[in-house]
Amino acid sequence: MQIAVTTPTGNVGRHVVAMLVRAGLRPRVLLRDPGRLAPELRDHVDAVRVDQFEADTVVAATEGVDALFWVDPTTGGEDPLADYAHATDSVVHAVTDNRIGRVVFQSSVGAEKRHGAGEIDGLAHTEAALDRIDVDVTHLRCGYFFTNLELQLDALRAGTLEVILPLDQPMAWVAPRDIAEVAVTRLLSPDWSGHRVRAVHGPADLTWRQVGDILTAATGRRIGVERIPDDAMRDRLLGAGMTDGLVEAVLGMSIGLREDFVPEQPRTVETTTTTTLAAWAYDHLRHRITDAS
């Protein structure tokens, strides 16, 4: 069985690759820079240099593939949704031209809205396009990644996270490794077909207030959370060098999922995974936010 993995050095993809290798497979990994692969993996995979926004190269790279783990690549452009549309064209052409039988697509909670959730709308576009073609596909609607906290190390060191969501609004939080585990079991399991949606909700829905308390206990440093106005966050993202279009796409993910949003897939034993934020923060954040002094 030949399985191809996109974004194999990403937060989820690197775990997918390692799990497939441990399962005795030699995955084909698609990435822009094969030099970024972990050295210990290079002899266990077939690396192909690919730009996922270029359909022809994706089609060529996936010839002979039986199953595909697809992640829409990140974009820092002015029009992220247009970039997602280009990536969607690539995966659709690859699946149809190469008759790939099975796809596991890394989507997000909120994609069910289809419109009005910022950057998540790009994932919704990919979901809808894959559902229109003849392929067995599972869309993994994932919760908020623990690893997003790694993008706010300076704020964590300063002791205050700033967000635009209500501080008491619960949402699913999940470890990328747990997403990879679900993805690999779906890729390898023969017991499903058709168009499926599987939520990956992590172990618990958490509010931002709870997250602050968990991080405080796990790291030994007091970490508070403050809600700030949308415009204040917009100014900060612009100040960090994001384009106007990207800023609106990023803000839209929170604006579109606050107050009255209820995920289409409820939390069940099937959607609940095991890694807790407390354990992850102790292992991955604690040492990174300690003062150098």
Protein backbone atom coordinates (compact mmCIF):
# COMPACT_ATOMS: atom_id res chain seq x y z
CA MET A 1 0.00 0.00 0.00
CA GLN A 2 1.47 3.33 -1.07
CA ILE A 3 0.50 6.26 1.15
CA ALA A 4 1.47 9.86 0.41
CA VAL A 5 1.73 12.48 3.15
CA THR A 6 1.67 16.24 2.61
CA THR A 7 3.23 18.75 5.05
CA PRO A 8 5.35 15.92 6.52
CA THR A 9 7.34 18.30 8.72
CA GLY A 10 4.26 20.03 10.14
CA ASN A 11 2.74 19.71 13.59
CA VAL A 12 0.56 16.80 12.51
CA GLY A 13 2.34 15.50 9.43
CA ARG A 14 5.59 14.67 11.19
CA HIS A 15 3.71 12.39 13.56
CA VAL A 16 1.79 10.82 10.67
CA VAL A 17 5.05 9.97 8.90
CA ALA A 18 6.64 8.50 12.01
CA MET A 19 3.57 6.37 12.77
CA LEU A 20 3.44 5.01 9.23
CA VAL A 21 7.13 4.11 9.40
CA ARG A 22 6.56 2.32 12.70
CA ALA A 23 3.71 0.45 11.03
CA GLY A 24 6.22 -0.96 8.53
CA LEU A 25 5.34 1.27 5.58
CA ARG A 26 7.54 3.48 3.46
CA PRO A 27 5.44 6.61 2.90
CA ARG A 28 5.94 9.04 0.06
CA VAL A 29 6.33 12.51 1.54
CA LEU A 30 5.54 15.65 -0.43
CA LEU A 31 7.27 18.88 0.61
CA ARG A 32 8.97 21.95 -0.78
CA ASP A 33 12.30 21.30 0.91
CA PRO A 34 13.27 17.65 1.52
CA GLY A 35 16.20 18.93 3.57
CA ARG A 36 13.77 19.80 6.35
CA LEU A 37 12.99 16.15 7.02
CA ALA A 38 14.28 14.77 10.30
CA PRO A 39 17.60 13.01 9.54
CA GLU A 40 16.48 9.80 11.20
CA LEU A 41 13.52 9.53 8.81
CA ARG A 42 15.25 10.16 5.50
CA ASP A 43 16.18 6.52 4.87
CA HIS A 44 12.62 5.38 5.63
CA VAL A 45 10.59 7.59 3.27
CA ASP A 46 10.52 8.58 -0.39
CA ALA A 47 10.75 12.36 -0.45
CA VAL A 48 9.41 14.31 -3.43
CA ARG A 49 9.92 18.05 -3.88
CA VAL A 50 6.44 19.53 -4.42
CA ASP A 51 4.67 22.87 -4.31
CA GLN A 52 1.10 22.03 -3.32
CA PHE A 53 -0.19 25.13 -5.06
CA GLU A 54 0.98 23.72 -8.42
CA ALA A 55 -1.47 21.04 -9.58
CA ASP A 56 0.82 19.49 -12.19
CA THR A 57 3.58 18.79 -9.70
CA VAL A 58 1.14 17.32 -7.19
CA VAL A 59 -0.35 15.04 -9.85
CA ALA A 60 3.11 13.82 -10.86
CA ALA A 61 4.16 13.29 -7.23
CA THR A 62 1.10 11.19 -6.39
CA GLU A 63 1.17 8.80 -9.33
CA GLY A 64 0.67 5.24 -8.07
CA VAL A 65 -0.55 6.38 -4.66
CA ASP A 66 -3.34 4.39 -2.99
CA ALA A 67 -4.11 6.75 -0.11
CA LEU A 68 -3.33 10.39 0.62
CA PHE A 69 -3.09 12.45 3.80
CA TRP A 70 -3.81 15.97 2.59
CA VAL A 71 -3.23 19.18 4.51
CA ASP A 72 -3.87 22.48 2.77
CA PRO A 73 -0.53 24.33 2.96
CA THR A 74 -0.22 27.45 5.05
CA THR A 75 -0.29 30.74 3.23
CA GLY A 76 1.00 34.16 4.08
CA GLY A 77 -0.45 35.83 1.02
CA GLU A 78 -2.83 38.72 0.58
CA ASP A 79 -5.72 36.43 -0.42
CA PRO A 80 -5.54 33.24 1.65
CA LEU A 81 -8.84 31.89 0.38
CA ALA A 82 -7.60 32.13 -3.21
CA ASP A 83 -4.49 30.22 -2.16
CA TYR A 84 -6.66 27.53 -0.57
CA ALA A 85 -8.59 27.29 -3.82
CA HIS A 86 -5.33 26.64 -5.71
CA ALA A 87 -4.41 23.91 -3.24
CA THR A 88 -7.88 22.41 -3.62
CA ASP A 89 -7.43 22.27 -7.39
CA SER A 90 -4.19 20.38 -6.81
CA VAL A 91 -5.68 17.67 -4.62
CA VAL A 92 -8.76 17.26 -6.82
CA HIS A 93 -6.62 16.84 -9.93
CA ALA A 94 -4.31 14.41 -8.14
CA VAL A 95 -7.18 12.25 -6.90
CA THR A 96 -9.04 12.17 -10.20
CA ASP A 97 -6.04 11.86 -12.55
CA ASN A 98 -4.33 9.16 -10.47
CA ARG A 99 -7.48 7.45 -9.26
CA ILE A 100 -6.42 7.69 -5.65
CA GLY A 101 -8.94 5.65 -3.72
CA ARG A 102 -8.73 7.15 -0.26
CA VAL A 103 -8.07 10.58 1.22
CA VAL A 104 -7.85 11.77 4.81
CA PHE A 105 -8.14 15.55 4.86
CA GLN A 106 -7.11 17.66 7.84
CA SER A 107 -9.94 20.14 8.23
CA SER A 108 -11.22 22.11 11.22
CA VAL A 109 -14.14 22.55 13.53
CA GLY A 110 -16.09 25.36 11.89
CA ALA A 111 -15.74 24.11 8.33
CA GLU A 112 -19.35 23.01 8.54
CA LYS A 113 -20.36 26.69 8.39
CA ARG A 114 -18.96 26.80 4.82
CA HIS A 115 -18.84 30.63 4.97
CA GLY A 116 -18.09 33.25 7.60
CA ALA A 117 -15.22 31.62 9.49
CA GLY A 118 -12.23 33.35 7.94
CA GLU A 119 -9.38 31.07 6.94
CA ILE A 120 -11.47 28.01 7.85
CA ASP A 121 -13.63 28.81 4.82
CA GLY A 122 -10.69 27.65 2.71
CA LEU A 123 -10.82 24.25 4.39
CA ALA A 124 -14.57 24.14 3.83
CA HIS A 125 -13.93 24.71 0.13
CA THR A 126 -11.60 21.72 0.04
CA GLU A 127 -14.13 19.55 1.90
CA ALA A 128 -16.87 20.42 -0.58
CA ALA A 129 -14.63 19.81 -3.60
CA LEU A 130 -13.56 16.37 -2.37
CA ASP A 131 -17.18 15.49 -1.66
CA ARG A 132 -18.04 16.18 -5.29
CA ILE A 133 -15.69 13.53 -6.68
CA ASP A 134 -15.59 9.76 -6.54
CA VAL A 135 -13.22 9.09 -3.66
CA ASP A 136 -13.45 7.64 -0.17
CA VAL A 137 -12.68 10.65 2.01
CA THR A 138 -12.67 11.41 5.71
CA HIS A 139 -12.59 15.04 6.77
CA LEU A 140 -10.97 15.43 10.18
CA ARG A 141 -12.60 18.43 11.84
CA CYS A 142 -10.00 19.23 14.43
CA GLY A 143 -10.19 21.42 17.50
CA TYR A 144 -7.81 24.23 18.42
CA PHE A 145 -4.21 23.00 18.30
CA PHE A 146 -2.20 23.07 21.53
CA THR A 147 0.76 24.06 19.36
CA ASN A 148 -0.87 27.41 18.53
CA LEU A 149 0.40 28.46 21.96
CA GLU A 150 3.95 28.14 20.65
CA LEU A 151 3.23 31.15 18.45
CA GLN A 152 2.74 33.25 21.59
CA LEU A 153 5.88 32.49 23.56
CA ASP A 154 6.62 36.17 24.22
CA ALA A 155 3.12 36.69 25.60
CA LEU A 156 3.45 33.59 27.75
CA ARG A 157 6.77 34.82 29.13
CA ALA A 158 5.14 38.18 29.88
CA GLY A 159 2.33 36.37 31.69
CA THR A 160 -0.72 37.44 29.65
CA LEU A 161 -2.38 35.93 26.60
CA GLU A 162 -4.61 38.27 24.61
CA VAL A 163 -7.60 36.85 22.72
CA ILE A 164 -10.78 38.10 21.05
CA LEU A 165 -12.99 35.17 22.06
CA PRO A 166 -15.15 35.39 25.18
CA LEU A 167 -13.06 34.11 28.09
CA ASP A 168 -15.80 31.74 29.26
CA GLN A 169 -16.66 30.23 25.86
CA PRO A 170 -15.58 26.57 25.79
CA MET A 171 -14.00 25.06 22.70
CA ALA A 172 -12.24 21.86 21.77
CA TRP A 173 -8.45 21.80 22.31
CA VAL A 174 -6.36 18.99 20.81
CA ALA A 175 -2.77 17.77 20.58
CA PRO A 176 -1.49 17.44 16.98
CA ARG A 177 -0.10 13.99 17.79
CA ASP A 178 -3.62 12.82 18.64
CA ILE A 179 -4.85 14.11 15.27
CA ALA A 180 -2.08 12.14 13.58
CA GLU A 181 -3.14 8.98 15.38
CA VAL A 182 -6.69 9.36 14.12
CA ALA A 183 -5.46 10.15 10.61
CA VAL A 184 -3.23 7.07 10.45
CA THR A 185 -5.93 4.73 11.72
CA ARG A 186 -8.29 6.09 9.05
CA LEU A 187 -5.63 5.70 6.34
CA LEU A 188 -4.94 2.10 7.30
CA SER A 189 -8.43 0.90 8.25
CA PRO A 190 -10.34 -0.96 5.50
CA ASP A 191 -13.64 -0.70 7.36
CA TRP A 192 -15.00 2.56 5.97
CA SER A 193 -15.88 4.06 2.62
CA GLY A 194 -17.76 6.98 1.12
CA HIS A 195 -17.67 10.56 2.36
CA ARG A 196 -17.16 10.79 6.12
CA VAL A 197 -16.60 13.45 8.76
CA ARG A 198 -14.72 12.62 11.95
CA ALA A 199 -14.26 15.28 14.59
CA VAL A 200 -11.07 15.26 16.66
CA HIS A 201 -11.93 17.14 19.83
CA GLY A 202 -9.08 16.38 22.21
CA PRO A 203 -9.80 15.34 25.81
CA ALA A 204 -11.98 18.30 26.90
CA ASP A 205 -13.62 21.53 25.86
CA LEU A 206 -11.81 24.39 27.62
CA THR A 207 -12.46 28.07 28.14
CA TRP A 208 -9.61 30.54 27.88
CA ARG A 209 -9.87 31.13 31.64
CA GLN A 210 -9.34 27.42 32.21
CA VAL A 211 -6.44 27.42 29.76
CA GLY A 212 -4.73 30.17 31.75
CA ASP A 213 -5.12 28.17 34.97
CA ILE A 214 -3.85 24.97 33.32
CA LEU A 215 -0.81 26.71 31.88
CA THR A 216 -0.07 28.35 35.23
CA ALA A 217 -0.09 24.98 37.01
CA ALA A 218 1.86 23.18 34.28
CA THR A 219 4.60 25.77 33.85
CA GLY A 220 4.92 27.21 37.34
CA ARG A 221 4.48 30.74 35.98
CA ARG A 222 1.38 32.85 36.45
CA ILE A 223 -0.34 33.18 33.06
CA GLY A 224 -3.48 35.25 32.73
CA VAL A 225 -5.80 35.73 29.78
CA GLU A 226 -7.30 39.04 28.66
CA ARG A 227 -9.98 39.67 26.07
CA ILE A 228 -9.17 42.60 23.81
CA PRO A 229 -11.25 44.31 21.08
CA ASP A 230 -11.14 43.00 17.53
CA ASP A 231 -9.54 46.23 16.31
CA ALA A 232 -6.75 45.98 18.87
CA MET A 233 -5.93 42.46 17.69
CA ARG A 234 -6.14 43.63 14.07
CA ASP A 235 -3.58 46.36 14.78
CA ARG A 236 -1.24 43.88 16.45
CA LEU A 237 -1.37 41.43 13.57
CA LEU A 238 -0.78 44.21 11.06
CA GLY A 239 2.11 45.40 13.17
CA ALA A 240 3.58 41.91 13.07
CA GLY A 241 3.80 42.18 9.28
CA MET A 242 0.70 40.27 8.18
CA THR A 243 -1.03 41.41 5.01
CA ASP A 244 -4.50 42.94 5.29
CA GLY A 245 -6.10 39.88 3.71
CA LEU A 246 -4.33 37.46 5.99
CA VAL A 247 -5.24 39.49 9.08
CA GLU A 248 -8.94 39.36 8.19
CA ALA A 249 -8.72 35.62 7.49
CA VAL A 250 -7.04 34.97 10.85
CA LEU A 251 -9.46 37.17 12.79
CA GLY A 252 -12.38 35.58 10.99
CA MET A 253 -11.60 32.19 12.50
CA SER A 254 -12.41 33.55 15.96
CA ILE A 255 -15.12 36.03 14.97
CA GLY A 256 -17.01 33.37 13.02
CA LEU A 257 -16.92 30.81 15.82
CA ARG A 258 -17.85 32.85 18.85
CA GLU A 259 -21.02 33.34 20.86
CA ASP A 260 -23.65 31.23 19.08
CA PHE A 261 -21.47 28.68 17.27
CA VAL A 262 -22.14 25.01 18.07
CA PRO A 263 -19.99 22.37 16.33
CA GLU A 264 -21.91 20.07 14.01
CA GLN A 265 -20.22 16.99 15.49
CA PRO A 266 -20.90 16.59 19.22
CA ARG A 267 -18.25 15.33 21.60
CA THR A 268 -18.44 11.54 21.86
CA VAL A 269 -16.09 8.69 22.75
CA GLU A 270 -15.15 8.58 19.05
CA THR A 271 -14.13 12.23 18.90
CA THR A 272 -12.38 12.42 22.28
CA THR A 273 -8.62 11.87 22.37
CA THR A 274 -6.31 11.44 25.32
CA THR A 275 -3.45 13.96 25.49
CA THR A 276 -4.29 16.71 27.99
CA LEU A 277 -3.24 20.33 27.70
CA ALA A 278 -1.63 20.07 31.14
CA ALA A 279 0.61 17.19 30.08
CA TRP A 280 1.47 18.78 26.75
CA ALA A 281 2.28 22.16 28.33
CA TYR A 282 4.51 20.54 30.95
CA ASP A 283 6.45 18.68 28.26
CA HIS A 284 6.56 21.32 25.51
CA LEU A 285 6.05 24.81 26.97
CA ARG A 286 7.42 24.85 30.49
CA HIS A 287 11.11 24.97 29.55
CA ARG A 288 10.52 27.38 26.64
CA ILE A 289 9.00 30.17 28.71
CA THR A 290 11.48 30.07 31.56
CA ASP A 291 13.58 33.23 31.74
CA ALA A 292 17.08 32.74 30.39
CA SER A 293 18.39 34.34 33.54
